[in-house]
Amino acid sequence: MLEVLRYRKRLAHLIDEWTEYRSLVLNRMGAPNLKNEEEKRFLALKGKVAEDLTSLSLWLQPSLAQEVQGHLRGITSLLGRYPTLFTSGPLDEQNRADFERSWHDHFLFFNRLKGIQPDPHGREPRNLAAASQTYIPPVGQKVHRRSAGAHFVTVFLRLLFLIFIIFLLVRYVPWGRLREPTTSSTPTQGGVEGFLTTAGDRVKAVLAGVHLPAFLNPVVEAYGSEVTTILVAVFLLIVAYFIFGRMK
């Protein structure tokens, strides 16, 4: 699953880069007010397109090898056709039409790859995990990099949250009730249904026996201990999502 996500993320980056490459060639090539930053972006963009396309080709099914190689040659030729943006002027009508036709053919191929599952036996380069995170921002866009201190704070908060969760589980949850016999009035049944019934009774017993902190007494009085326990659990799950899922 992780490999599929990396494949799709790399493909999305490639399509964005390919679209920006077209914009630079058609709108900025030979422009009188062209800046050095745009030229650097143009060169870096071409290198990134070549890198991403090569990496993606290793993930595709062998049946697509011939078509992929054809697009690799075509894209390499198109990237090498315009070595710089600093030209005497923009593309003439004929060259512009040829560029648009070739660019659009490869663009459709990239979008076709969205509907293709990567080869489970494919293997991307060793540095794909890091490279898939690399994105060249457009000219003028600031790149925010996290400092070592911010990374330390993230790790510290995660450890602190885990310790807090362990404390809550040990301090307030009566785990011994899981081993106590159930008091359900429903006759015990065999098979999966009986197992689920017994498990449900034991979970209810644990929820009913949770010793919630005193400051939650108003909520317990209003909704009951079981509902309050569930609400606290949902709140902790939301906090865990932000600490482990959103904080990078």
C-alpha atoms as a PDB file:
ATOM      1  CA  MET A   1       0.000   0.000   0.000  1.00  0.00           C
ATOM      2  CA  LEU A   2       2.824   2.391   0.870  1.00  0.00           C
ATOM      3  CA  GLU A   3       4.474   1.691  -2.491  1.00  0.00           C
ATOM      4  CA  VAL A   4       1.235   2.515  -4.316  1.00  0.00           C
ATOM      5  CA  LEU A   5       0.972   5.838  -2.476  1.00  0.00           C
ATOM      6  CA  ARG A   6       4.572   6.681  -3.358  1.00  0.00           C
ATOM      7  CA  TYR A   7       3.933   5.783  -6.986  1.00  0.00           C
ATOM      8  CA  ARG A   8       0.861   8.011  -7.171  1.00  0.00           C
ATOM      9  CA  LYS A   9       2.586  10.883  -5.382  1.00  0.00           C
ATOM     10  CA  ARG A  10       5.542  10.715  -7.761  1.00  0.00           C
ATOM     11  CA  LEU A  11       3.155  10.595 -10.734  1.00  0.00           C
ATOM     12  CA  ALA A  12       1.241  13.640  -9.453  1.00  0.00           C
ATOM     13  CA  HIS A  13       4.522  15.547  -9.105  1.00  0.00           C
ATOM     14  CA  LEU A  14       5.527  14.521 -12.614  1.00  0.00           C
ATOM     15  CA  ILE A  15       2.273  15.810 -14.121  1.00  0.00           C
ATOM     16  CA  ASP A  16       2.645  19.130 -12.253  1.00  0.00           C
ATOM     17  CA  GLU A  17       6.244  19.466 -13.440  1.00  0.00           C
ATOM     18  CA  TRP A  18       5.334  18.587 -17.019  1.00  0.00           C
ATOM     19  CA  THR A  19       2.553  21.197 -17.000  1.00  0.00           C
ATOM     20  CA  GLU A  20       4.880  23.879 -15.641  1.00  0.00           C
ATOM     21  CA  TYR A  21       7.511  22.951 -18.232  1.00  0.00           C
ATOM     22  CA  ARG A  22       4.984  23.675 -20.993  1.00  0.00           C
ATOM     23  CA  SER A  23       4.103  27.014 -19.411  1.00  0.00           C
ATOM     24  CA  LEU A  24       7.746  28.092 -19.265  1.00  0.00           C
ATOM     25  CA  VAL A  25       8.465  27.087 -22.869  1.00  0.00           C
ATOM     26  CA  LEU A  26       5.378  28.744 -24.334  1.00  0.00           C
ATOM     27  CA  ASN A  27       5.184  31.853 -22.148  1.00  0.00           C
ATOM     28  CA  ARG A  28       8.696  32.676 -20.991  1.00  0.00           C
ATOM     29  CA  MET A  29      11.050  31.502 -23.726  1.00  0.00           C
ATOM     30  CA  GLY A  30      12.721  34.523 -25.285  1.00  0.00           C
ATOM     31  CA  ALA A  31      10.814  36.938 -23.046  1.00  0.00           C
ATOM     32  CA  PRO A  32      12.543  40.339 -22.773  1.00  0.00           C
ATOM     33  CA  ASN A  33      12.125  40.448 -18.982  1.00  0.00           C
ATOM     34  CA  LEU A  34      13.303  36.866 -18.360  1.00  0.00           C
ATOM     35  CA  LYS A  35      15.030  36.404 -15.001  1.00  0.00           C
ATOM     36  CA  ASN A  36      17.936  34.162 -14.024  1.00  0.00           C
ATOM     37  CA  GLU A  37      15.712  32.500 -11.382  1.00  0.00           C
ATOM     38  CA  GLU A  38      13.334  31.375 -14.142  1.00  0.00           C
ATOM     39  CA  GLU A  39      16.206  29.905 -16.130  1.00  0.00           C
ATOM     40  CA  LYS A  40      17.424  27.997 -13.055  1.00  0.00           C
ATOM     41  CA  ARG A  41      13.900  26.761 -12.445  1.00  0.00           C
ATOM     42  CA  PHE A  42      13.641  25.672 -16.086  1.00  0.00           C
ATOM     43  CA  LEU A  43      16.852  23.629 -15.926  1.00  0.00           C
ATOM     44  CA  ALA A  44      15.990  22.084 -12.555  1.00  0.00           C
ATOM     45  CA  LEU A  45      12.517  21.221 -13.827  1.00  0.00           C
ATOM     46  CA  LYS A  46      13.891  19.329 -16.824  1.00  0.00           C
ATOM     47  CA  GLY A  47      16.175  17.301 -14.584  1.00  0.00           C
ATOM     48  CA  LYS A  48      13.330  16.501 -12.187  1.00  0.00           C
ATOM     49  CA  VAL A  49      11.049  15.361 -15.027  1.00  0.00           C
ATOM     50  CA  ALA A  50      13.738  12.976 -16.271  1.00  0.00           C
ATOM     51  CA  GLU A  51      14.350  11.643 -12.744  1.00  0.00           C
ATOM     52  CA  ASP A  52      10.680  11.102 -11.918  1.00  0.00           C
ATOM     53  CA  LEU A  53       9.909   9.457 -15.246  1.00  0.00           C
ATOM     54  CA  THR A  54      12.816   7.030 -14.893  1.00  0.00           C
ATOM     55  CA  SER A  55      11.717   6.094 -11.379  1.00  0.00           C
ATOM     56  CA  LEU A  56       8.109   5.559 -12.428  1.00  0.00           C
ATOM     57  CA  SER A  57       9.138   3.338 -15.331  1.00  0.00           C
ATOM     58  CA  LEU A  58      10.549   0.824 -12.846  1.00  0.00           C
ATOM     59  CA  TRP A  59       7.114   0.462 -11.244  1.00  0.00           C
ATOM     60  CA  LEU A  60       5.147  -0.237 -14.416  1.00  0.00           C
ATOM     61  CA  GLN A  61       4.054  -3.615 -15.707  1.00  0.00           C
ATOM     62  CA  PRO A  62       6.466  -5.316 -18.152  1.00  0.00           C
ATOM     63  CA  SER A  63       3.695  -5.274 -20.778  1.00  0.00           C
ATOM     64  CA  LEU A  64       4.060  -1.476 -20.919  1.00  0.00           C
ATOM     65  CA  ALA A  65       7.833  -1.553 -21.385  1.00  0.00           C
ATOM     66  CA  GLN A  66       7.788  -0.848 -25.118  1.00  0.00           C
ATOM     67  CA  GLU A  67       5.347   2.046 -24.817  1.00  0.00           C
ATOM     68  CA  VAL A  68       7.229   3.487 -21.844  1.00  0.00           C
ATOM     69  CA  GLN A  69      10.533   3.363 -23.701  1.00  0.00           C
ATOM     70  CA  GLY A  70       8.921   5.179 -26.618  1.00  0.00           C
ATOM     71  CA  HIS A  71       7.725   7.965 -24.362  1.00  0.00           C
ATOM     72  CA  LEU A  72      11.078   8.103 -22.596  1.00  0.00           C
ATOM     73  CA  ARG A  73      12.810   8.718 -25.921  1.00  0.00           C
ATOM     74  CA  GLY A  74      10.204  11.272 -26.976  1.00  0.00           C
ATOM     75  CA  ILE A  75      10.325  13.185 -23.698  1.00  0.00           C
ATOM     76  CA  THR A  76      14.125  13.168 -23.629  1.00  0.00           C
ATOM     77  CA  SER A  77      14.141  14.539 -27.167  1.00  0.00           C
ATOM     78  CA  LEU A  78      11.603  17.227 -26.264  1.00  0.00           C
ATOM     79  CA  LEU A  79      13.532  18.251 -23.136  1.00  0.00           C
ATOM     80  CA  GLY A  80      16.778  18.498 -25.094  1.00  0.00           C
ATOM     81  CA  ARG A  81      15.225  20.462 -27.935  1.00  0.00           C
ATOM     82  CA  TYR A  82      15.150  23.647 -25.865  1.00  0.00           C
ATOM     83  CA  PRO A  83      18.327  23.876 -23.748  1.00  0.00           C
ATOM     84  CA  THR A  84      17.619  27.389 -22.453  1.00  0.00           C
ATOM     85  CA  LEU A  85      14.947  30.046 -22.120  1.00  0.00           C
ATOM     86  CA  PHE A  86      17.396  32.759 -23.161  1.00  0.00           C
ATOM     87  CA  THR A  87      16.681  32.820 -26.902  1.00  0.00           C
ATOM     88  CA  SER A  88      16.250  35.584 -29.421  1.00  0.00           C
ATOM     89  CA  GLY A  89      12.481  35.291 -29.220  1.00  0.00           C
ATOM     90  CA  PRO A  90       9.504  33.026 -28.541  1.00  0.00           C
ATOM     91  CA  LEU A  91       8.721  29.960 -30.629  1.00  0.00           C
ATOM     92  CA  ASP A  92       7.379  30.578 -34.108  1.00  0.00           C
ATOM     93  CA  GLU A  93       3.983  29.224 -35.083  1.00  0.00           C
ATOM     94  CA  GLN A  94       5.283  25.961 -36.580  1.00  0.00           C
ATOM     95  CA  ASN A  95       7.592  25.100 -33.667  1.00  0.00           C
ATOM     96  CA  ARG A  96       4.881  26.041 -31.204  1.00  0.00           C
ATOM     97  CA  ALA A  97       2.391  23.678 -32.861  1.00  0.00           C
ATOM     98  CA  ASP A  98       4.957  20.856 -32.962  1.00  0.00           C
ATOM     99  CA  PHE A  99       5.783  21.374 -29.300  1.00  0.00           C
ATOM    100  CA  GLU A 100       2.113  21.426 -28.265  1.00  0.00           C
ATOM    101  CA  ARG A 101       1.405  18.212 -30.179  1.00  0.00           C
ATOM    102  CA  SER A 102       4.353  16.325 -28.672  1.00  0.00           C
ATOM    103  CA  TRP A 103       3.767  17.701 -25.175  1.00  0.00           C
ATOM    104  CA  HIS A 104       0.080  16.792 -25.217  1.00  0.00           C
ATOM    105  CA  ASP A 105       0.797  13.236 -26.387  1.00  0.00           C
ATOM    106  CA  HIS A 106       3.057  12.650 -23.365  1.00  0.00           C
ATOM    107  CA  PHE A 107       0.622  14.468 -21.059  1.00  0.00           C
ATOM    108  CA  LEU A 108      -2.155  12.035 -22.000  1.00  0.00           C
ATOM    109  CA  PHE A 109       0.207   9.125 -21.341  1.00  0.00           C
ATOM    110  CA  PHE A 110       0.964  10.445 -17.833  1.00  0.00           C
ATOM    111  CA  ASN A 111      -2.730  10.677 -17.064  1.00  0.00           C
ATOM    112  CA  ARG A 112      -3.273   7.151 -18.374  1.00  0.00           C
ATOM    113  CA  LEU A 113      -0.799   5.982 -15.753  1.00  0.00           C
ATOM    114  CA  LYS A 114      -3.209   7.167 -13.037  1.00  0.00           C
ATOM    115  CA  GLY A 115      -5.465   4.231 -13.824  1.00  0.00           C
ATOM    116  CA  ILE A 116      -2.651   1.656 -13.912  1.00  0.00           C
ATOM    117  CA  GLN A 117      -1.650  -0.211 -10.789  1.00  0.00           C
ATOM    118  CA  PRO A 118       2.114  -0.417 -10.259  1.00  0.00           C
ATOM    119  CA  ASP A 119       3.797  -3.777 -10.706  1.00  0.00           C
ATOM    120  CA  PRO A 120       3.961  -5.467  -7.253  1.00  0.00           C
ATOM    121  CA  HIS A 121       7.293  -6.952  -8.311  1.00  0.00           C
ATOM    122  CA  GLY A 122       8.629  -3.622  -9.496  1.00  0.00           C
ATOM    123  CA  ARG A 123      11.370  -1.922  -7.542  1.00  0.00           C
ATOM    124  CA  GLU A 124      12.091   1.766  -7.515  1.00  0.00           C
ATOM    125  CA  PRO A 125      15.551   3.203  -6.809  1.00  0.00           C
ATOM    126  CA  ARG A 126      16.812   3.067  -3.250  1.00  0.00           C
ATOM    127  CA  ASN A 127      16.371   6.801  -2.861  1.00  0.00           C
ATOM    128  CA  LEU A 128      12.742   6.960  -4.051  1.00  0.00           C
ATOM    129  CA  ALA A 129      11.332   7.297  -0.541  1.00  0.00           C
ATOM    130  CA  ALA A 130      13.313  10.505  -0.108  1.00  0.00           C
ATOM    131  CA  ALA A 131      13.022  11.611  -3.719  1.00  0.00           C
ATOM    132  CA  SER A 132       9.252  11.264  -3.712  1.00  0.00           C
ATOM    133  CA  GLN A 133       9.174  13.886  -0.992  1.00  0.00           C
ATOM    134  CA  THR A 134      11.262  16.276  -3.090  1.00  0.00           C
ATOM    135  CA  TYR A 135       9.329  18.970  -4.865  1.00  0.00           C
ATOM    136  CA  ILE A 136      10.863  21.907  -6.710  1.00  0.00           C
ATOM    137  CA  PRO A 137       8.756  24.965  -5.839  1.00  0.00           C
ATOM    138  CA  PRO A 138       7.932  27.525  -8.530  1.00  0.00           C
ATOM    139  CA  VAL A 139      10.016  30.659  -8.762  1.00  0.00           C
ATOM    140  CA  GLY A 140       9.277  33.010  -5.880  1.00  0.00           C
ATOM    141  CA  GLN A 141       7.640  30.389  -3.692  1.00  0.00           C
ATOM    142  CA  LYS A 142       9.290  30.062  -0.297  1.00  0.00           C
ATOM    143  CA  VAL A 143      10.334  26.654   0.934  1.00  0.00           C
ATOM    144  CA  HIS A 144       9.799  26.026   4.632  1.00  0.00           C
ATOM    145  CA  ARG A 145      12.180  23.478   6.099  1.00  0.00           C
ATOM    146  CA  ARG A 146      11.760  22.189   9.618  1.00  0.00           C
ATOM    147  CA  SER A 147      14.700  22.729  11.910  1.00  0.00           C
ATOM    148  CA  ALA A 148      16.301  20.064  14.097  1.00  0.00           C
ATOM    149  CA  GLY A 149      14.659  21.732  17.105  1.00  0.00           C
ATOM    150  CA  ALA A 150      11.192  21.388  15.580  1.00  0.00           C
ATOM    151  CA  HIS A 151      11.858  17.731  14.834  1.00  0.00           C
ATOM    152  CA  PHE A 152      12.955  17.179  18.439  1.00  0.00           C
ATOM    153  CA  VAL A 153       9.760  18.822  19.721  1.00  0.00           C
ATOM    154  CA  THR A 154       7.669  16.515  17.520  1.00  0.00           C
ATOM    155  CA  VAL A 155       9.423  13.390  18.803  1.00  0.00           C
ATOM    156  CA  PHE A 156       9.167  14.641  22.385  1.00  0.00           C
ATOM    157  CA  LEU A 157       5.427  15.295  22.088  1.00  0.00           C
ATOM    158  CA  ARG A 158       4.830  11.842  20.636  1.00  0.00           C
ATOM    159  CA  LEU A 159       6.724  10.145  23.452  1.00  0.00           C
ATOM    160  CA  LEU A 160       4.931  12.280  26.029  1.00  0.00           C
ATOM    161  CA  PHE A 161       1.546  11.402  24.542  1.00  0.00           C
ATOM    162  CA  LEU A 162       2.365   7.674  24.565  1.00  0.00           C
ATOM    163  CA  ILE A 163       3.421   7.849  28.215  1.00  0.00           C
ATOM    164  CA  PHE A 164       0.213   9.731  29.026  1.00  0.00           C
ATOM    165  CA  ILE A 165      -1.921   7.091  27.274  1.00  0.00           C
ATOM    166  CA  ILE A 166      -0.148   4.268  29.119  1.00  0.00           C
ATOM    167  CA  PHE A 167      -0.710   6.100  32.412  1.00  0.00           C
ATOM    168  CA  LEU A 168      -4.438   6.472  31.691  1.00  0.00           C
ATOM    169  CA  LEU A 169      -4.794   2.821  30.743  1.00  0.00           C
ATOM    170  CA  VAL A 170      -3.011   1.625  33.876  1.00  0.00           C
ATOM    171  CA  ARG A 171      -4.532   4.155  36.286  1.00  0.00           C
ATOM    172  CA  TYR A 172      -8.189   4.297  35.274  1.00  0.00           C
ATOM    173  CA  VAL A 173      -9.106   1.125  33.305  1.00  0.00           C
ATOM    174  CA  PRO A 174     -10.086  -1.965  35.386  1.00  0.00           C
ATOM    175  CA  TRP A 175      -8.481  -4.626  33.189  1.00  0.00           C
ATOM    176  CA  GLY A 176      -9.264  -7.298  35.802  1.00  0.00           C
ATOM    177  CA  ARG A 177     -12.910  -7.208  34.731  1.00  0.00           C
ATOM    178  CA  LEU A 178     -11.977  -8.864  31.452  1.00  0.00           C
ATOM    179  CA  ARG A 179     -11.299 -12.076  33.396  1.00  0.00           C
ATOM    180  CA  GLU A 180     -14.433 -11.919  35.524  1.00  0.00           C
ATOM    181  CA  PRO A 181     -17.431 -14.072  34.527  1.00  0.00           C
ATOM    182  CA  THR A 182     -20.126 -12.204  32.655  1.00  0.00           C
ATOM    183  CA  THR A 183     -23.446 -11.375  34.295  1.00  0.00           C
ATOM    184  CA  SER A 184     -25.475 -11.269  31.111  1.00  0.00           C
ATOM    185  CA  SER A 185     -29.038 -12.570  31.372  1.00  0.00           C
ATOM    186  CA  THR A 186     -28.805 -13.927  27.811  1.00  0.00           C
ATOM    187  CA  PRO A 187     -27.949 -17.658  27.688  1.00  0.00           C
ATOM    188  CA  THR A 188     -24.404 -18.231  26.465  1.00  0.00           C
ATOM    189  CA  GLN A 189     -24.345 -19.470  22.888  1.00  0.00           C
ATOM    190  CA  GLY A 190     -21.611 -21.341  21.115  1.00  0.00           C
ATOM    191  CA  GLY A 191     -19.647 -20.429  18.025  1.00  0.00           C
ATOM    192  CA  VAL A 192     -18.791 -16.947  16.779  1.00  0.00           C
ATOM    193  CA  GLU A 193     -22.064 -15.413  17.995  1.00  0.00           C
ATOM    194  CA  GLY A 194     -21.453 -16.637  21.530  1.00  0.00           C
ATOM    195  CA  PHE A 195     -17.883 -15.340  21.449  1.00  0.00           C
ATOM    196  CA  LEU A 196     -19.029 -11.904  20.279  1.00  0.00           C
ATOM    197  CA  THR A 197     -21.728 -11.782  22.944  1.00  0.00           C
ATOM    198  CA  THR A 198     -19.265 -12.654  25.705  1.00  0.00           C
ATOM    199  CA  ALA A 199     -16.699 -10.181  24.383  1.00  0.00           C
ATOM    200  CA  GLY A 200     -19.307  -7.431  24.237  1.00  0.00           C
ATOM    201  CA  ASP A 201     -20.378  -8.097  27.833  1.00  0.00           C
ATOM    202  CA  ARG A 202     -16.790  -7.945  29.047  1.00  0.00           C
ATOM    203  CA  VAL A 203     -16.107  -4.688  27.174  1.00  0.00           C
ATOM    204  CA  LYS A 204     -19.247  -3.159  28.678  1.00  0.00           C
ATOM    205  CA  ALA A 205     -18.082  -4.254  32.122  1.00  0.00           C
ATOM    206  CA  VAL A 206     -14.706  -2.592  31.585  1.00  0.00           C
ATOM    207  CA  LEU A 207     -16.316   0.627  30.330  1.00  0.00           C
ATOM    208  CA  ALA A 208     -18.698   0.692  33.287  1.00  0.00           C
ATOM    209  CA  GLY A 209     -15.810   0.240  35.710  1.00  0.00           C
ATOM    210  CA  VAL A 210     -13.524   2.949  34.333  1.00  0.00           C
ATOM    211  CA  HIS A 211     -12.556   5.375  37.104  1.00  0.00           C
ATOM    212  CA  LEU A 212     -12.746   8.755  35.408  1.00  0.00           C
ATOM    213  CA  PRO A 213     -11.033  11.827  36.891  1.00  0.00           C
ATOM    214  CA  ALA A 214     -13.114  13.969  39.215  1.00  0.00           C
ATOM    215  CA  PHE A 215     -13.260  16.951  36.868  1.00  0.00           C
ATOM    216  CA  LEU A 216     -15.334  14.831  34.466  1.00  0.00           C
ATOM    217  CA  ASN A 217     -18.071  14.234  37.064  1.00  0.00           C
ATOM    218  CA  PRO A 218     -20.495  16.764  35.478  1.00  0.00           C
ATOM    219  CA  VAL A 219     -20.209  14.933  32.144  1.00  0.00           C
ATOM    220  CA  VAL A 220     -20.643  11.558  33.842  1.00  0.00           C
ATOM    221  CA  GLU A 221     -23.777  12.782  35.617  1.00  0.00           C
ATOM    222  CA  ALA A 222     -25.209  14.083  32.364  1.00  0.00           C
ATOM    223  CA  TYR A 223     -24.365  11.198  30.005  1.00  0.00           C
ATOM    224  CA  GLY A 224     -23.237   8.265  32.146  1.00  0.00           C
ATOM    225  CA  SER A 225     -19.807   6.730  32.628  1.00  0.00           C
ATOM    226  CA  GLU A 226     -19.853   4.573  29.477  1.00  0.00           C
ATOM    227  CA  VAL A 227     -20.708   7.444  27.138  1.00  0.00           C
ATOM    228  CA  THR A 228     -18.185   9.710  28.853  1.00  0.00           C
ATOM    229  CA  THR A 229     -15.473   7.072  28.464  1.00  0.00           C
ATOM    230  CA  ILE A 230     -16.243   6.782  24.756  1.00  0.00           C
ATOM    231  CA  LEU A 231     -16.134  10.576  24.336  1.00  0.00           C
ATOM    232  CA  VAL A 232     -12.745  10.736  26.088  1.00  0.00           C
ATOM    233  CA  ALA A 233     -11.451   7.932  23.857  1.00  0.00           C
ATOM    234  CA  VAL A 234     -12.618   9.760  20.711  1.00  0.00           C
ATOM    235  CA  PHE A 235     -10.959  12.971  21.903  1.00  0.00           C
ATOM    236  CA  LEU A 236      -7.682  11.124  22.514  1.00  0.00           C
ATOM    237  CA  LEU A 237      -7.883   9.557  19.052  1.00  0.00           C
ATOM    238  CA  ILE A 238      -8.275  13.008  17.496  1.00  0.00           C
ATOM    239  CA  VAL A 239      -5.270  14.282  19.440  1.00  0.00           C
ATOM    240  CA  ALA A 240      -3.289  11.197  18.371  1.00  0.00           C
ATOM    241  CA  TYR A 241      -4.202  11.846  14.742  1.00  0.00           C
ATOM    242  CA  PHE A 242      -2.780  15.360  14.859  1.00  0.00           C
ATOM    243  CA  ILE A 243       0.355  14.343  16.768  1.00  0.00           C
ATOM    244  CA  PHE A 244       1.202  11.264  14.700  1.00  0.00           C
ATOM    245  CA  GLY A 245      -0.523  12.016  11.415  1.00  0.00           C
ATOM    246  CA  ARG A 246      -0.296  15.771  10.876  1.00  0.00           C
ATOM    247  CA  MET A 247       2.919  16.690  12.652  1.00  0.00           C
ATOM    248  CA  LYS A 248       5.861  15.845  10.428  1.00  0.00           C
END
